[in-house]
Amino acid sequence: MSESELGLLSRLWEEHMRAPFPPHMRGREIEGEDMVLLDAEIAGCVLSSLSGPLDEKRHEILLVCLGAVEKVQPSIDDEGGAIEYYERLREMAALAVKIGNVNAQ
């Protein structure tokens, strides 16, 4: 695992924890995806990846969530900073998957 990737993931996580959830995304579905649940699932897996290698179940959840966030991104409007919020989620998910793949080798 690259220390710089883990450092970047840690920095993104800290930014994410300071960022308010975009209020207009509460209770909203885009492309069949619950936006609060998507946030929670990615956040939980990222937090786990910061403390050690992901187990297979969390790795699979993260892969599904990464696909989901990439699917919904074009439909997200920028009210309340939603575009930046979900882009950071996508970036964290991608990094955690990459770090997890390196750990599995």
Protein backbone atom coordinates (compact mmCIF):
# COMPACT_ATOMS: atom_id res chain seq x y z
CA MET A 1 0.00 0.00 0.00
CA SER A 2 1.26 3.41 -0.87
CA GLU A 3 1.67 5.68 2.13
CA SER A 4 0.65 8.61 -0.05
CA GLU A 5 -2.66 6.90 -0.97
CA LEU A 6 -3.41 6.15 2.67
CA GLY A 7 -2.47 9.73 3.58
CA LEU A 8 -4.75 11.09 0.86
CA LEU A 9 -7.60 8.86 2.04
CA SER A 10 -7.07 10.05 5.60
CA ARG A 11 -7.09 13.70 4.51
CA LEU A 12 -10.24 13.20 2.43
CA TRP A 13 -11.89 11.46 5.39
CA GLU A 14 -11.09 14.42 7.65
CA GLU A 15 -12.56 16.82 5.07
CA HIS A 16 -15.62 14.62 4.78
CA MET A 17 -16.18 14.57 8.52
CA ARG A 18 -16.14 18.39 8.60
CA ALA A 19 -18.49 18.76 5.64
CA PRO A 20 -22.21 19.03 6.31
CA PHE A 21 -24.43 16.56 4.52
CA PRO A 22 -26.29 18.41 1.75
CA PRO A 23 -29.74 18.92 3.33
CA HIS A 24 -31.69 18.53 0.09
CA MET A 25 -30.26 15.01 -0.35
CA ARG A 26 -31.99 13.68 2.79
CA GLY A 27 -34.75 11.29 1.81
CA ARG A 28 -33.82 11.60 -1.86
CA GLU A 29 -33.28 8.84 -4.37
CA ILE A 30 -31.42 9.31 -7.63
CA GLU A 31 -31.36 6.53 -10.21
CA GLY A 32 -32.85 4.23 -7.56
CA GLU A 33 -30.07 4.98 -5.06
CA ASP A 34 -30.87 6.28 -1.57
CA MET A 35 -28.41 9.15 -1.19
CA VAL A 36 -28.16 8.95 2.62
CA LEU A 37 -27.59 5.19 2.54
CA LEU A 38 -24.95 5.57 -0.17
CA ASP A 39 -23.10 8.10 1.99
CA ALA A 40 -23.35 5.90 5.09
CA GLU A 41 -22.18 2.73 3.37
CA ILE A 42 -19.17 4.38 1.75
CA ALA A 43 -18.27 6.21 4.95
CA GLY A 44 -18.43 3.01 7.01
CA CYS A 45 -16.21 1.11 4.60
CA VAL A 46 -13.72 3.98 4.30
CA LEU A 47 -13.48 4.27 8.07
CA SER A 48 -12.81 0.52 8.28
CA SER A 49 -10.14 0.75 5.58
CA LEU A 50 -8.34 3.46 7.54
CA SER A 51 -7.92 1.08 10.47
CA GLY A 52 -6.77 -1.94 8.46
CA PRO A 53 -7.46 -4.12 5.44
CA LEU A 54 -11.09 -4.49 4.44
CA ASP A 55 -12.74 -7.87 4.75
CA GLU A 56 -14.28 -9.36 1.62
CA LYS A 57 -17.81 -8.25 2.53
CA ARG A 58 -16.87 -4.58 2.99
CA HIS A 59 -14.74 -4.68 -0.15
CA GLU A 60 -17.74 -5.93 -2.15
CA ILE A 61 -20.02 -3.30 -0.58
CA LEU A 62 -17.50 -0.62 -1.51
CA LEU A 63 -17.33 -1.83 -5.13
CA VAL A 64 -21.13 -1.72 -5.41
CA CYS A 65 -21.25 1.73 -3.82
CA LEU A 66 -18.50 3.03 -6.08
CA GLY A 67 -20.53 1.98 -9.11
CA ALA A 68 -23.65 3.55 -7.60
CA VAL A 69 -22.04 6.90 -6.83
CA GLU A 70 -20.54 7.03 -10.34
CA LYS A 71 -24.01 6.29 -11.77
CA VAL A 72 -25.74 9.10 -9.84
CA GLN A 73 -23.07 11.79 -10.10
CA PRO A 74 -24.29 13.24 -13.42
CA SER A 75 -27.76 13.76 -11.90
CA ILE A 76 -26.61 15.56 -8.74
CA ASP A 77 -27.23 19.29 -8.63
CA ASP A 78 -24.87 21.53 -6.71
CA GLU A 79 -27.33 22.85 -4.17
CA GLY A 80 -25.63 22.83 -0.77
CA GLY A 81 -22.30 21.63 -2.17
CA ALA A 82 -23.71 18.22 -3.17
CA ILE A 83 -21.45 17.78 -6.19
CA GLU A 84 -18.28 18.28 -4.14
CA TYR A 85 -19.65 16.11 -1.31
CA TYR A 86 -20.40 13.13 -3.55
CA GLU A 87 -17.23 13.57 -5.60
CA ARG A 88 -15.24 13.28 -2.37
CA LEU A 89 -17.23 10.14 -1.50
CA ARG A 90 -16.41 8.68 -4.93
CA GLU A 91 -12.74 9.50 -4.54
CA MET A 92 -12.61 7.96 -1.06
CA ALA A 93 -14.38 4.81 -2.27
CA ALA A 94 -11.99 4.45 -5.22
CA LEU A 95 -8.94 4.91 -2.98
CA ALA A 96 -10.20 2.44 -0.39
CA VAL A 97 -10.85 -0.15 -3.13
CA LYS A 98 -7.37 0.43 -4.54
CA ILE A 99 -5.75 0.17 -1.12
CA GLY A 100 -7.77 -2.97 -0.44
CA ASN A 101 -6.63 -4.54 -3.70
CA VAL A 102 -3.01 -3.85 -2.84
CA ASN A 103 -3.48 -5.41 0.61
CA ALA A 104 -5.02 -8.54 -0.95
CA GLN A 105 -1.98 -9.23 -3.13
